[in-house]
C-alpha atoms as a PDB file:
ATOM      1  CA  MET A   1     186.524 133.143 113.524  1.00  0.00           C
ATOM      2  CA  SER A   2     183.198 132.528 115.244  1.00  0.00           C
ATOM      3  CA  ALA A   3     181.510 135.069 117.490  1.00  0.00           C
ATOM      4  CA  ALA A   4     182.369 132.839 120.442  1.00  0.00           C
ATOM      5  CA  ASP A   5     186.077 132.646 119.577  1.00  0.00           C
ATOM      6  CA  ALA A   6     186.226 136.420 119.264  1.00  0.00           C
ATOM      7  CA  VAL A   7     186.231 136.629 123.088  1.00  0.00           C
ATOM      8  CA  ALA A   8     188.815 133.852 123.552  1.00  0.00           C
ATOM      9  CA  TRP A   9     191.488 135.793 125.448  1.00  0.00           C
ATOM     10  CA  CYS A  10     194.414 133.856 126.894  1.00  0.00           C
ATOM     11  CA  PRO A  11     197.844 134.732 128.311  1.00  0.00           C
ATOM     12  CA  PRO A  12     200.708 135.278 125.849  1.00  0.00           C
ATOM     13  CA  GLY A  13     201.943 131.981 124.470  1.00  0.00           C
ATOM     14  CA  TRP A  14     198.790 130.083 125.508  1.00  0.00           C
ATOM     15  CA  THR A  15     196.340 128.786 122.882  1.00  0.00           C
ATOM     16  CA  TRP A  16     192.649 127.971 122.428  1.00  0.00           C
ATOM     17  CA  ARG A  17     191.513 125.046 120.286  1.00  0.00           C
ATOM     18  CA  THR A  18     188.932 122.290 119.893  1.00  0.00           C
ATOM     19  CA  PRO A  19     189.754 119.104 121.865  1.00  0.00           C
ATOM     20  CA  ARG A  20     191.626 116.425 119.907  1.00  0.00           C
ATOM     21  CA  PRO A  21     191.692 112.659 120.516  1.00  0.00           C
ATOM     22  CA  ASP A  22     195.233 112.976 121.863  1.00  0.00           C
ATOM     23  CA  ASP A  23     193.949 115.437 124.501  1.00  0.00           C
ATOM     24  CA  VAL A  24     191.787 112.822 126.239  1.00  0.00           C
ATOM     25  CA  ASP A  25     194.430 111.680 128.746  1.00  0.00           C
ATOM     26  CA  ALA A  26     195.114 115.290 129.688  1.00  0.00           C
ATOM     27  CA  LEU A  27     191.391 115.983 130.101  1.00  0.00           C
ATOM     28  CA  ILE A  28     191.025 112.924 132.345  1.00  0.00           C
ATOM     29  CA  ARG A  29     193.849 114.225 134.551  1.00  0.00           C
ATOM     30  CA  LEU A  30     192.307 117.694 134.527  1.00  0.00           C
ATOM     31  CA  ARG A  31     188.865 116.518 135.665  1.00  0.00           C
ATOM     32  CA  ALA A  32     190.295 114.001 138.138  1.00  0.00           C
ATOM     33  CA  GLY A  33     192.466 116.711 139.677  1.00  0.00           C
ATOM     34  CA  GLN A  34     189.520 119.055 140.163  1.00  0.00           C
ATOM     35  CA  GLN A  35     187.407 116.235 141.585  1.00  0.00           C
ATOM     36  CA  GLU A  36     190.119 115.075 143.994  1.00  0.00           C
ATOM     37  CA  ARG A  37     190.703 118.632 145.179  1.00  0.00           C
ATOM     38  CA  MET A  38     187.041 118.944 146.209  1.00  0.00           C
ATOM     39  CA  THR A  39     186.010 115.395 147.196  1.00  0.00           C
ATOM     40  CA  GLY A  40     189.232 113.628 148.151  1.00  0.00           C
ATOM     41  CA  SER A  41     188.816 111.085 145.352  1.00  0.00           C
ATOM     42  CA  GLY A  42     189.999 111.525 141.796  1.00  0.00           C
ATOM     43  CA  ARG A  43     188.557 108.275 140.480  1.00  0.00           C
ATOM     44  CA  LEU A  44     186.268 108.745 137.489  1.00  0.00           C
ATOM     45  CA  ASP A  45     185.207 106.934 134.345  1.00  0.00           C
ATOM     46  CA  PRO A  46     187.801 107.751 131.655  1.00  0.00           C
ATOM     47  CA  GLU A  47     185.417 106.603 128.924  1.00  0.00           C
ATOM     48  CA  LEU A  48     182.887 109.241 130.000  1.00  0.00           C
ATOM     49  CA  VAL A  49     185.524 111.948 129.518  1.00  0.00           C
ATOM     50  CA  ARG A  50     186.429 110.469 126.127  1.00  0.00           C
ATOM     51  CA  SER A  51     182.762 110.420 125.100  1.00  0.00           C
ATOM     52  CA  GLU A  52     182.228 114.075 126.027  1.00  0.00           C
ATOM     53  CA  ALA A  53     185.449 115.290 124.430  1.00  0.00           C
ATOM     54  CA  VAL A  54     185.611 113.408 121.138  1.00  0.00           C
ATOM     55  CA  GLY A  55     183.014 110.602 121.180  1.00  0.00           C
ATOM     56  CA  THR A  56     179.239 110.327 121.004  1.00  0.00           C
ATOM     57  CA  GLY A  57     178.809 112.761 123.898  1.00  0.00           C
ATOM     58  CA  SER A  58     180.545 115.473 121.866  1.00  0.00           C
ATOM     59  CA  TRP A  59     177.718 115.534 119.316  1.00  0.00           C
ATOM     60  CA  THR A  60     175.575 117.786 121.512  1.00  0.00           C
ATOM     61  CA  ARG A  61     178.477 119.832 122.891  1.00  0.00           C
ATOM     62  CA  ARG A  62     180.440 122.842 121.692  1.00  0.00           C
ATOM     63  CA  GLN A  63     183.774 123.031 123.455  1.00  0.00           C
ATOM     64  CA  ARG A  64     187.284 124.430 123.634  1.00  0.00           C
ATOM     65  CA  VAL A  65     190.445 123.692 125.606  1.00  0.00           C
ATOM     66  CA  VAL A  66     193.159 126.142 126.625  1.00  0.00           C
ATOM     67  CA  ALA A  67     196.771 124.931 126.515  1.00  0.00           C
ATOM     68  CA  ASP A  68     199.905 126.496 128.020  1.00  0.00           C
ATOM     69  CA  PRO A  69     203.054 127.277 125.973  1.00  0.00           C
ATOM     70  CA  ASP A  70     204.110 123.607 126.282  1.00  0.00           C
ATOM     71  CA  ASP A  71     200.721 122.556 124.826  1.00  0.00           C
ATOM     72  CA  VAL A  72     199.594 121.105 128.171  1.00  0.00           C
ATOM     73  CA  VAL A  73     195.814 121.461 128.513  1.00  0.00           C
ATOM     74  CA  ARG A  74     194.995 123.621 131.535  1.00  0.00           C
ATOM     75  CA  ALA A  75     191.278 124.383 131.097  1.00  0.00           C
ATOM     76  CA  TRP A  76     188.251 122.915 129.332  1.00  0.00           C
ATOM     77  CA  ILE A  77     184.922 124.620 128.643  1.00  0.00           C
ATOM     78  CA  GLN A  78     181.809 122.849 127.333  1.00  0.00           C
ATOM     79  CA  VAL A  79     178.388 124.071 126.221  1.00  0.00           C
ATOM     80  CA  HIS A  80     175.852 121.239 126.244  1.00  0.00           C
ATOM     81  CA  ASP A  81     172.623 121.620 124.231  1.00  0.00           C
ATOM     82  CA  ARG A  82     170.557 119.546 126.657  1.00  0.00           C
ATOM     83  CA  ALA A  83     166.922 120.502 126.037  1.00  0.00           C
ATOM     84  CA  ALA A  84     164.770 123.366 124.829  1.00  0.00           C
ATOM     85  CA  GLY A  85     165.430 126.331 127.092  1.00  0.00           C
ATOM     86  CA  ARG A  86     168.312 124.715 128.965  1.00  0.00           C
ATOM     87  CA  VAL A  87     172.029 124.751 128.123  1.00  0.00           C
ATOM     88  CA  GLY A  88     174.642 123.168 130.370  1.00  0.00           C
ATOM     89  CA  VAL A  89     177.954 124.960 130.935  1.00  0.00           C
ATOM     90  CA  ASP A  90     180.872 122.958 132.335  1.00  0.00           C
ATOM     91  CA  LEU A  91     184.158 124.687 133.193  1.00  0.00           C
ATOM     92  CA  THR A  92     187.043 122.463 134.306  1.00  0.00           C
ATOM     93  CA  ALA A  93     190.253 124.219 135.318  1.00  0.00           C
ATOM     94  CA  ASP A  94     193.598 122.870 136.461  1.00  0.00           C
ATOM     95  CA  PRO A  95     193.903 123.171 140.261  1.00  0.00           C
ATOM     96  CA  ALA A  96     197.471 124.430 139.618  1.00  0.00           C
ATOM     97  CA  LEU A  97     196.299 127.268 137.382  1.00  0.00           C
ATOM     98  CA  GLY A  98     196.904 129.821 140.110  1.00  0.00           C
ATOM     99  CA  ALA A  99     200.549 128.761 140.365  1.00  0.00           C
ATOM    100  CA  LEU A 100     201.068 129.230 136.620  1.00  0.00           C
ATOM    101  CA  LEU A 101     199.412 132.618 136.202  1.00  0.00           C
ATOM    102  CA  SER A 102     198.936 135.747 138.244  1.00  0.00           C
ATOM    103  CA  ALA A 103     195.674 136.016 140.149  1.00  0.00           C
ATOM    104  CA  GLY A 104     194.495 138.651 137.689  1.00  0.00           C
ATOM    105  CA  ASP A 105     195.295 136.560 134.623  1.00  0.00           C
ATOM    106  CA  THR A 106     193.721 133.457 136.183  1.00  0.00           C
ATOM    107  CA  ASP A 107     190.456 135.296 136.757  1.00  0.00           C
ATOM    108  CA  ARG A 108     190.638 136.934 133.333  1.00  0.00           C
ATOM    109  CA  LEU A 109     191.068 133.541 131.652  1.00  0.00           C
ATOM    110  CA  ALA A 110     188.101 132.105 133.588  1.00  0.00           C
ATOM    111  CA  ALA A 111     186.010 135.122 132.561  1.00  0.00           C
ATOM    112  CA  ALA A 112     186.997 134.576 128.916  1.00  0.00           C
ATOM    113  CA  LEU A 113     186.047 130.896 129.095  1.00  0.00           C
ATOM    114  CA  LEU A 114     182.605 131.695 130.493  1.00  0.00           C
ATOM    115  CA  ALA A 115     182.139 134.520 127.984  1.00  0.00           C
ATOM    116  CA  TRP A 116     182.973 132.044 125.213  1.00  0.00           C
ATOM    117  CA  ALA A 117     180.329 129.680 126.622  1.00  0.00           C
ATOM    118  CA  ALA A 118     177.673 132.401 126.517  1.00  0.00           C
ATOM    119  CA  ALA A 119     178.580 133.310 122.940  1.00  0.00           C
ATOM    120  CA  ALA A 120     178.607 129.642 121.904  1.00  0.00           C
ATOM    121  CA  ALA A 121     175.129 129.190 123.398  1.00  0.00           C
ATOM    122  CA  GLU A 122     173.590 131.894 121.192  1.00  0.00           C
ATOM    123  CA  PRO A 123     173.457 129.732 118.024  1.00  0.00           C
ATOM    124  CA  VAL A 124     171.827 127.017 120.126  1.00  0.00           C
ATOM    125  CA  ILE A 125     169.084 129.472 121.111  1.00  0.00           C
ATOM    126  CA  ARG A 126     168.508 130.371 117.473  1.00  0.00           C
ATOM    127  CA  LEU A 127     168.451 126.753 116.305  1.00  0.00           C
ATOM    128  CA  ARG A 128     165.869 126.014 118.993  1.00  0.00           C
ATOM    129  CA  GLY A 129     163.747 128.930 117.806  1.00  0.00           C
ATOM    130  CA  LEU A 130     163.911 130.632 121.213  1.00  0.00           C
ATOM    131  CA  GLU A 131     164.607 134.150 122.401  1.00  0.00           C
ATOM    132  CA  SER A 132     166.443 133.142 125.574  1.00  0.00           C
ATOM    133  CA  THR A 133     167.784 130.146 127.446  1.00  0.00           C
ATOM    134  CA  GLN A 134     168.974 129.154 130.868  1.00  0.00           C
ATOM    135  CA  LEU A 135     172.702 128.637 131.260  1.00  0.00           C
ATOM    136  CA  SER A 136     173.137 126.009 133.970  1.00  0.00           C
ATOM    137  CA  ALA A 137     176.502 125.304 135.621  1.00  0.00           C
ATOM    138  CA  ILE A 138     177.486 123.032 138.495  1.00  0.00           C
ATOM    139  CA  ALA A 139     180.079 123.882 141.148  1.00  0.00           C
ATOM    140  CA  TYR A 140     181.267 122.004 144.193  1.00  0.00           C
ATOM    141  CA  ALA A 141     179.820 123.701 147.249  1.00  0.00           C
ATOM    142  CA  ASP A 142     183.314 124.159 148.727  1.00  0.00           C
ATOM    143  CA  ASP A 143     184.955 125.398 145.514  1.00  0.00           C
ATOM    144  CA  ASP A 144     185.304 129.087 146.297  1.00  0.00           C
ATOM    145  CA  ARG A 145     187.330 129.665 143.138  1.00  0.00           C
ATOM    146  CA  GLN A 146     184.667 128.274 140.775  1.00  0.00           C
ATOM    147  CA  ARG A 147     181.879 129.977 142.685  1.00  0.00           C
ATOM    148  CA  ARG A 148     183.666 133.330 142.416  1.00  0.00           C
ATOM    149  CA  TRP A 149     184.150 132.903 138.671  1.00  0.00           C
ATOM    150  CA  LEU A 150     180.488 132.044 138.106  1.00  0.00           C
ATOM    151  CA  ALA A 151     179.258 134.965 140.193  1.00  0.00           C
ATOM    152  CA  ALA A 152     181.504 137.370 138.260  1.00  0.00           C
ATOM    153  CA  ALA A 153     180.036 136.027 134.987  1.00  0.00           C
ATOM    154  CA  GLY A 154     176.480 136.814 136.081  1.00  0.00           C
ATOM    155  CA  TYR A 155     175.426 133.425 137.429  1.00  0.00           C
ATOM    156  CA  ALA A 156     173.521 133.019 140.706  1.00  0.00           C
ATOM    157  CA  CYS A 157     173.535 130.033 143.046  1.00  0.00           C
ATOM    158  CA  VAL A 158     169.994 128.658 143.050  1.00  0.00           C
ATOM    159  CA  ARG A 159     170.143 125.153 144.542  1.00  0.00           C
ATOM    160  CA  THR A 160     172.243 122.734 146.575  1.00  0.00           C
ATOM    161  CA  TRP A 161     172.479 119.019 145.806  1.00  0.00           C
ATOM    162  CA  LEU A 162     173.543 116.158 148.036  1.00  0.00           C
ATOM    163  CA  GLU A 163     175.810 113.581 146.417  1.00  0.00           C
ATOM    164  CA  MET A 164     175.013 110.449 148.425  1.00  0.00           C
ATOM    165  CA  VAL A 165     176.418 106.918 148.501  1.00  0.00           C
ATOM    166  CA  ARG A 166     175.326 103.662 150.127  1.00  0.00           C
ATOM    167  CA  PRO A 167     177.513 100.575 150.599  1.00  0.00           C
ATOM    168  CA  VAL A 168     176.126  97.295 149.245  1.00  0.00           C
ATOM    169  CA  THR A 169     176.888  93.838 150.617  1.00  0.00           C
ATOM    170  CA  ALA A 170     176.790  90.475 148.865  1.00  0.00           C
ATOM    171  CA  ALA A 171     173.997  89.321 151.204  1.00  0.00           C
ATOM    172  CA  GLU A 172     171.672  91.943 149.711  1.00  0.00           C
ATOM    173  CA  ALA A 173     171.523  89.919 146.495  1.00  0.00           C
ATOM    174  CA  ALA A 174     169.215  87.423 148.248  1.00  0.00           C
ATOM    175  CA  PRO A 175     165.556  87.497 147.120  1.00  0.00           C
ATOM    176  CA  ASP A 176     164.411  88.015 150.710  1.00  0.00           C
ATOM    177  CA  ALA A 177     166.999  90.665 151.610  1.00  0.00           C
ATOM    178  CA  PHE A 178     164.279  93.323 151.622  1.00  0.00           C
ATOM    179  CA  PRO A 179     160.552  93.289 152.396  1.00  0.00           C
ATOM    180  CA  PRO A 180     158.357  92.755 149.315  1.00  0.00           C
ATOM    181  CA  PRO A 181     156.609  95.778 147.770  1.00  0.00           C
ATOM    182  CA  ARG A 182     153.273  96.753 149.235  1.00  0.00           C
ATOM    183  CA  PRO A 183     150.139  95.089 147.831  1.00  0.00           C
ATOM    184  CA  GLY A 184     149.267  96.416 144.407  1.00  0.00           C
ATOM    185  CA  VAL A 185     152.870  97.416 143.597  1.00  0.00           C
ATOM    186  CA  HIS A 186     155.357  95.388 141.598  1.00  0.00           C
ATOM    187  CA  VAL A 187     158.607  96.258 139.857  1.00  0.00           C
ATOM    188  CA  ARG A 188     159.708  94.789 136.565  1.00  0.00           C
ATOM    189  CA  ALA A 189     162.584  95.344 134.194  1.00  0.00           C
ATOM    190  CA  VAL A 190     161.988  97.067 130.904  1.00  0.00           C
ATOM    191  CA  ARG A 191     160.968  94.361 128.447  1.00  0.00           C
ATOM    192  CA  THR A 192     163.316  93.422 125.632  1.00  0.00           C
ATOM    193  CA  HIS A 193     163.265  91.867 122.186  1.00  0.00           C
ATOM    194  CA  PRO A 194     164.983  88.488 121.625  1.00  0.00           C
ATOM    195  CA  ASP A 195     168.144  90.348 120.553  1.00  0.00           C
ATOM    196  CA  GLY A 196     168.290  92.159 123.899  1.00  0.00           C
ATOM    197  CA  LEU A 197     167.201  95.569 122.644  1.00  0.00           C
ATOM    198  CA  PRO A 198     164.449  97.191 124.738  1.00  0.00           C
ATOM    199  CA  LEU A 199     160.833  97.595 123.698  1.00  0.00           C
ATOM    200  CA  ALA A 200     160.229 101.178 122.632  1.00  0.00           C
ATOM    201  CA  ASP A 201     156.865 101.207 124.414  1.00  0.00           C
ATOM    202  CA  ASP A 202     158.540 100.546 127.758  1.00  0.00           C
ATOM    203  CA  LEU A 203     161.230 103.155 127.192  1.00  0.00           C
ATOM    204  CA  GLN A 204     158.531 105.678 126.402  1.00  0.00           C
ATOM    205  CA  LEU A 205     156.717 104.716 129.606  1.00  0.00           C
ATOM    206  CA  VAL A 206     159.885 105.409 131.590  1.00  0.00           C
ATOM    207  CA  HIS A 207     160.295 108.790 129.916  1.00  0.00           C
ATOM    208  CA  GLN A 208     156.620 109.630 130.446  1.00  0.00           C
ATOM    209  CA  VAL A 209     156.547 108.851 134.141  1.00  0.00           C
ATOM    210  CA  LEU A 210     159.818 110.667 134.825  1.00  0.00           C
ATOM    211  CA  GLU A 211     158.624 113.769 133.002  1.00  0.00           C
ATOM    212  CA  GLU A 212     155.328 113.729 134.906  1.00  0.00           C
ATOM    213  CA  SER A 213     156.972 112.921 138.233  1.00  0.00           C
ATOM    214  CA  PHE A 214     159.295 115.926 138.137  1.00  0.00           C
ATOM    215  CA  VAL A 215     156.883 118.497 136.746  1.00  0.00           C
ATOM    216  CA  ASP A 216     156.447 120.032 140.213  1.00  0.00           C
ATOM    217  CA  HIS A 217     160.144 119.853 141.127  1.00  0.00           C
ATOM    218  CA  PHE A 218     162.780 122.554 140.991  1.00  0.00           C
ATOM    219  CA  ASN A 219     163.897 123.650 137.502  1.00  0.00           C
ATOM    220  CA  SER A 220     161.870 121.026 135.661  1.00  0.00           C
ATOM    221  CA  TYR A 221     162.385 121.284 131.905  1.00  0.00           C
ATOM    222  CA  ARG A 222     160.643 119.082 129.368  1.00  0.00           C
ATOM    223  CA  GLU A 223     163.094 116.943 127.474  1.00  0.00           C
ATOM    224  CA  SER A 224     161.949 115.128 124.357  1.00  0.00           C
ATOM    225  CA  PHE A 225     162.051 111.338 124.291  1.00  0.00           C
ATOM    226  CA  SER A 226     164.839 111.299 121.707  1.00  0.00           C
ATOM    227  CA  GLU A 227     166.925 113.795 123.713  1.00  0.00           C
ATOM    228  CA  PHE A 228     166.388 111.785 126.889  1.00  0.00           C
ATOM    229  CA  VAL A 229     167.495 108.474 125.353  1.00  0.00           C
ATOM    230  CA  GLN A 230     170.396 109.962 123.408  1.00  0.00           C
ATOM    231  CA  ARG A 231     171.801 111.729 126.466  1.00  0.00           C
ATOM    232  CA  LEU A 232     171.679 108.587 128.601  1.00  0.00           C
ATOM    233  CA  ARG A 233     173.288 106.524 125.851  1.00  0.00           C
ATOM    234  CA  GLU A 234     176.193 108.980 125.704  1.00  0.00           C
ATOM    235  CA  ASP A 235     177.258 107.634 129.115  1.00  0.00           C
ATOM    236  CA  PRO A 236     179.590 104.611 128.681  1.00  0.00           C
ATOM    237  CA  GLY A 237     178.062 103.191 131.870  1.00  0.00           C
ATOM    238  CA  HIS A 238     174.593 103.020 130.307  1.00  0.00           C
ATOM    239  CA  ARG A 239     172.966  99.555 130.163  1.00  0.00           C
ATOM    240  CA  TRP A 240     169.467  98.758 128.883  1.00  0.00           C
ATOM    241  CA  ASP A 241     169.034  96.157 131.643  1.00  0.00           C
ATOM    242  CA  HIS A 242     169.379  98.907 134.275  1.00  0.00           C
ATOM    243  CA  TRP A 243     165.910 100.357 133.531  1.00  0.00           C
ATOM    244  CA  TRP A 244     162.931  99.352 135.717  1.00  0.00           C
ATOM    245  CA  LEU A 245     159.249 100.238 135.904  1.00  0.00           C
ATOM    246  CA  ALA A 246     157.000 100.164 138.968  1.00  0.00           C
ATOM    247  CA  MET A 247     153.464  99.148 138.079  1.00  0.00           C
ATOM    248  CA  ILE A 248     150.385  99.834 140.193  1.00  0.00           C
ATOM    249  CA  THR A 249     147.251  97.725 140.455  1.00  0.00           C
ATOM    250  CA  ASP A 250     144.523  99.547 142.351  1.00  0.00           C
ATOM    251  CA  ALA A 251     142.857  97.713 145.227  1.00  0.00           C
ATOM    252  CA  ASP A 252     139.488  97.525 143.484  1.00  0.00           C
ATOM    253  CA  ALA A 253     141.116  95.785 140.491  1.00  0.00           C
ATOM    254  CA  GLU A 254     143.191  93.207 142.340  1.00  0.00           C
ATOM    255  CA  ASP A 255     140.546  90.483 142.144  1.00  0.00           C
ATOM    256  CA  GLN A 256     139.899  90.777 138.429  1.00  0.00           C
ATOM    257  CA  GLY A 257     142.335  88.031 137.476  1.00  0.00           C
ATOM    258  CA  ASP A 258     143.887  88.299 134.028  1.00  0.00           C
ATOM    259  CA  ASP A 259     141.634  91.237 133.151  1.00  0.00           C
ATOM    260  CA  ARG A 260     142.907  93.509 135.875  1.00  0.00           C
ATOM    261  CA  THR A 261     144.436  96.749 134.635  1.00  0.00           C
ATOM    262  CA  GLU A 262     147.760  98.264 135.602  1.00  0.00           C
ATOM    263  CA  ARG A 263     149.060 101.793 135.483  1.00  0.00           C
ATOM    264  CA  ILE A 264     152.543 103.203 135.651  1.00  0.00           C
ATOM    265  CA  GLY A 265     153.593 104.296 139.127  1.00  0.00           C
ATOM    266  CA  GLY A 266     157.294 105.057 138.836  1.00  0.00           C
ATOM    267  CA  ALA A 267     160.595 104.280 137.169  1.00  0.00           C
ATOM    268  CA  VAL A 268     164.308 104.134 137.873  1.00  0.00           C
ATOM    269  CA  VAL A 269     167.296 104.258 135.522  1.00  0.00           C
ATOM    270  CA  SER A 270     170.786 103.412 136.720  1.00  0.00           C
ATOM    271  CA  THR A 271     174.232 103.127 135.161  1.00  0.00           C
ATOM    272  CA  VAL A 272     177.549 101.473 135.944  1.00  0.00           C
ATOM    273  CA  LEU A 273     179.985 103.385 138.154  1.00  0.00           C
ATOM    274  CA  ALA A 274     183.679 103.085 137.365  1.00  0.00           C
ATOM    275  CA  PRO A 275     185.779 100.917 139.752  1.00  0.00           C
ATOM    276  CA  ASP A 276     186.735 102.497 143.060  1.00  0.00           C
ATOM    277  CA  ALA A 277     190.170 102.356 144.731  1.00  0.00           C
ATOM    278  CA  ALA A 278     189.573  98.661 145.456  1.00  0.00           C
ATOM    279  CA  GLY A 279     188.851  97.984 141.784  1.00  0.00           C
ATOM    280  CA  VAL A 280     185.123  97.277 142.367  1.00  0.00           C
ATOM    281  CA  GLU A 281     182.361  98.792 140.242  1.00  0.00           C
ATOM    282  CA  GLY A 282     179.243 100.436 141.639  1.00  0.00           C
ATOM    283  CA  SER A 283     175.824 101.549 140.382  1.00  0.00           C
ATOM    284  CA  TYR A 284     174.598 105.110 139.967  1.00  0.00           C
ATOM    285  CA  ILE A 285     170.933 106.097 140.000  1.00  0.00           C
ATOM    286  CA  ASP A 286     170.532 108.623 137.208  1.00  0.00           C
ATOM    287  CA  TYR A 287     166.775 108.968 137.621  1.00  0.00           C
ATOM    288  CA  ILE A 288     164.154 107.783 140.045  1.00  0.00           C
ATOM    289  CA  GLY A 289     160.640 109.164 139.854  1.00  0.00           C
ATOM    290  CA  VAL A 290     157.261 108.364 141.365  1.00  0.00           C
ATOM    291  CA  HIS A 291     154.113 109.630 139.693  1.00  0.00           C
ATOM    292  CA  ARG A 292     152.117 111.987 141.889  1.00  0.00           C
ATOM    293  CA  SER A 293     149.115 109.646 141.757  1.00  0.00           C
ATOM    294  CA  ALA A 294     151.235 106.803 143.178  1.00  0.00           C
ATOM    295  CA  ARG A 295     152.988 108.624 146.026  1.00  0.00           C
ATOM    296  CA  GLY A 296     152.586 107.193 149.502  1.00  0.00           C
ATOM    297  CA  ARG A 297     152.442 103.581 148.300  1.00  0.00           C
ATOM    298  CA  GLY A 298     156.089 102.648 148.833  1.00  0.00           C
ATOM    299  CA  VAL A 299     156.965 102.845 145.142  1.00  0.00           C
ATOM    300  CA  ALA A 300     160.270 104.675 145.651  1.00  0.00           C
ATOM    301  CA  LYS A 301     161.398 102.195 148.298  1.00  0.00           C
ATOM    302  CA  ALA A 302     160.526  99.252 146.039  1.00  0.00           C
ATOM    303  CA  LEU A 303     162.521 100.769 143.174  1.00  0.00           C
ATOM    304  CA  LEU A 304     165.506 101.477 145.426  1.00  0.00           C
ATOM    305  CA  HIS A 305     165.459  97.941 146.797  1.00  0.00           C
ATOM    306  CA  THR A 306     165.474  96.677 143.203  1.00  0.00           C
ATOM    307  CA  VAL A 307     168.604  98.651 142.349  1.00  0.00           C
ATOM    308  CA  ILE A 308     170.386  97.582 145.537  1.00  0.00           C
ATOM    309  CA  THR A 309     169.580  93.913 144.923  1.00  0.00           C
ATOM    310  CA  ASP A 310     170.703  94.169 141.305  1.00  0.00           C
ATOM    311  CA  THR A 311     173.915  95.923 142.369  1.00  0.00           C
ATOM    312  CA  ALA A 312     174.723  93.187 144.875  1.00  0.00           C
ATOM    313  CA  ALA A 313     173.908  90.428 142.379  1.00  0.00           C
ATOM    314  CA  ARG A 314     176.426  91.931 139.950  1.00  0.00           C
ATOM    315  CA  GLY A 315     179.176  91.913 142.586  1.00  0.00           C
ATOM    316  CA  ARG A 316     179.271  95.684 142.964  1.00  0.00           C
ATOM    317  CA  ASN A 317     179.822  97.425 146.273  1.00  0.00           C
ATOM    318  CA  ARG A 318     177.902 100.720 146.296  1.00  0.00           C
ATOM    319  CA  VAL A 319     174.982 102.727 144.940  1.00  0.00           C
ATOM    320  CA  ALA A 320     175.375 106.482 144.481  1.00  0.00           C
ATOM    321  CA  LEU A 321     172.830 109.150 143.619  1.00  0.00           C
ATOM    322  CA  GLU A 322     172.134 112.874 143.681  1.00  0.00           C
ATOM    323  CA  VAL A 323     169.204 114.492 145.461  1.00  0.00           C
ATOM    324  CA  ASP A 324     167.880 118.013 145.850  1.00  0.00           C
ATOM    325  CA  ALA A 325     168.752 119.201 149.358  1.00  0.00           C
ATOM    326  CA  ASP A 326     165.359 120.944 149.425  1.00  0.00           C
ATOM    327  CA  SER A 327     163.349 118.191 147.734  1.00  0.00           C
ATOM    328  CA  PRO A 328     159.615 118.827 148.206  1.00  0.00           C
ATOM    329  CA  THR A 329     159.077 115.071 148.631  1.00  0.00           C
ATOM    330  CA  GLY A 330     161.692 114.736 151.379  1.00  0.00           C
ATOM    331  CA  ALA A 331     163.591 112.200 149.284  1.00  0.00           C
ATOM    332  CA  ASP A 332     166.856 112.783 151.160  1.00  0.00           C
ATOM    333  CA  GLY A 333     165.185 111.530 154.352  1.00  0.00           C
ATOM    334  CA  LEU A 334     164.119 108.331 152.597  1.00  0.00           C
ATOM    335  CA  TYR A 335     167.636 107.756 151.297  1.00  0.00           C
ATOM    336  CA  ARG A 336     169.155 108.263 154.735  1.00  0.00           C
ATOM    337  CA  SER A 337     166.679 105.821 156.259  1.00  0.00           C
ATOM    338  CA  LEU A 338     167.853 103.199 153.742  1.00  0.00           C
ATOM    339  CA  GLY A 339     171.560 103.689 154.435  1.00  0.00           C
ATOM    340  CA  TRP A 340     172.682 106.490 152.122  1.00  0.00           C
ATOM    341  CA  GLU A 341     175.079 109.115 153.471  1.00  0.00           C
ATOM    342  CA  THR A 342     176.170 112.431 151.993  1.00  0.00           C
ATOM    343  CA  ALA A 343     179.654 112.280 150.486  1.00  0.00           C
ATOM    344  CA  TYR A 344     179.810 115.917 149.313  1.00  0.00           C
ATOM    345  CA  ARG A 345     177.604 118.767 148.052  1.00  0.00           C
ATOM    346  CA  THR A 346     177.292 120.529 144.722  1.00  0.00           C
ATOM    347  CA  GLU A 347     175.425 123.642 143.641  1.00  0.00           C
ATOM    348  CA  SER A 348     173.419 124.720 140.590  1.00  0.00           C
ATOM    349  CA  TRP A 349     174.342 128.143 139.255  1.00  0.00           C
ATOM    350  CA  HIS A 350     172.021 129.716 136.663  1.00  0.00           C
ATOM    351  CA  ARG A 351     172.103 132.679 134.317  1.00  0.00           C
ATOM    352  CA  THR A 352     169.429 133.707 131.830  1.00  0.00           C
ATOM    353  CA  LEU A 353     170.872 134.437 128.395  1.00  0.00           C
ATOM    354  CA  ALA A 354     168.749 136.419 125.933  1.00  0.00           C
ATOM    355  CA  LEU A 355     169.596 137.074 122.293  1.00  0.00           C
END
């Protein structure tokens, strides 16, 4: 028995175990139920759940499920080794858990799940050669149950995030649907080889500009290039042709013809959103960053227009994203001005874990 499993308390007749391939349908229902309870919509990408539980996304995760006496999965805990100094903790619990157990046993089980997560994170700290790490969990802002569990486990709420969505119309696929970028700014897709695979140099440029863009933002942690690419590829909605770079040509270089030099100004990475209730896919902006030296030149707007146009051209109907409610760049104001509206809010809860 591992040190983590030593704290795996559960009610009599209930069991702890590692997720199995035949658990995936139950885990989809579990996550969809929690999501519907807090947002009103239980639609999610089943392949993303499969990836995290037993597929490529499971490679960087340590996890357990808790099943009732009928072997129905009722809770799922994950520890995600995301980057040096940062470990994600994801607790998903059946909304009906309170009807199956007493209030005391429900809270005791949640405490055991979060204690298991902390114990499972300790080997990650050692493998990273660190003395401590940040445990980072996400809760819906209106989920009093989850928030209470996290607070009892020593986590503190440190940030609020706006989950925003913008409808997209077919007309926005037209080349002239939006104003062109400002002079000296142009957006291009990441270049590819003849076989469709991306050029490594361009992928590294995207990683570089995103790392440098967020260095002054809340909770910025450096993530290696390999970690960055691997994590994005774990998402079944990932597509190489959803990566774009914004290039800057300074005014004093614009008349230099073919010899003019460019520099990186920003980047955006998006993925495919699972079909909504109408059966139509959407796009999700995983990352959008503007280098500090390029701010104020309309780079973010040009990148956003690119994603919207691409989304419309693919026959999708919406673009979603997440933004810091207290963004120092006022990004939420830009999104609202371009048609995004807040669908719901989430919170970051952190705890420092030392060996």
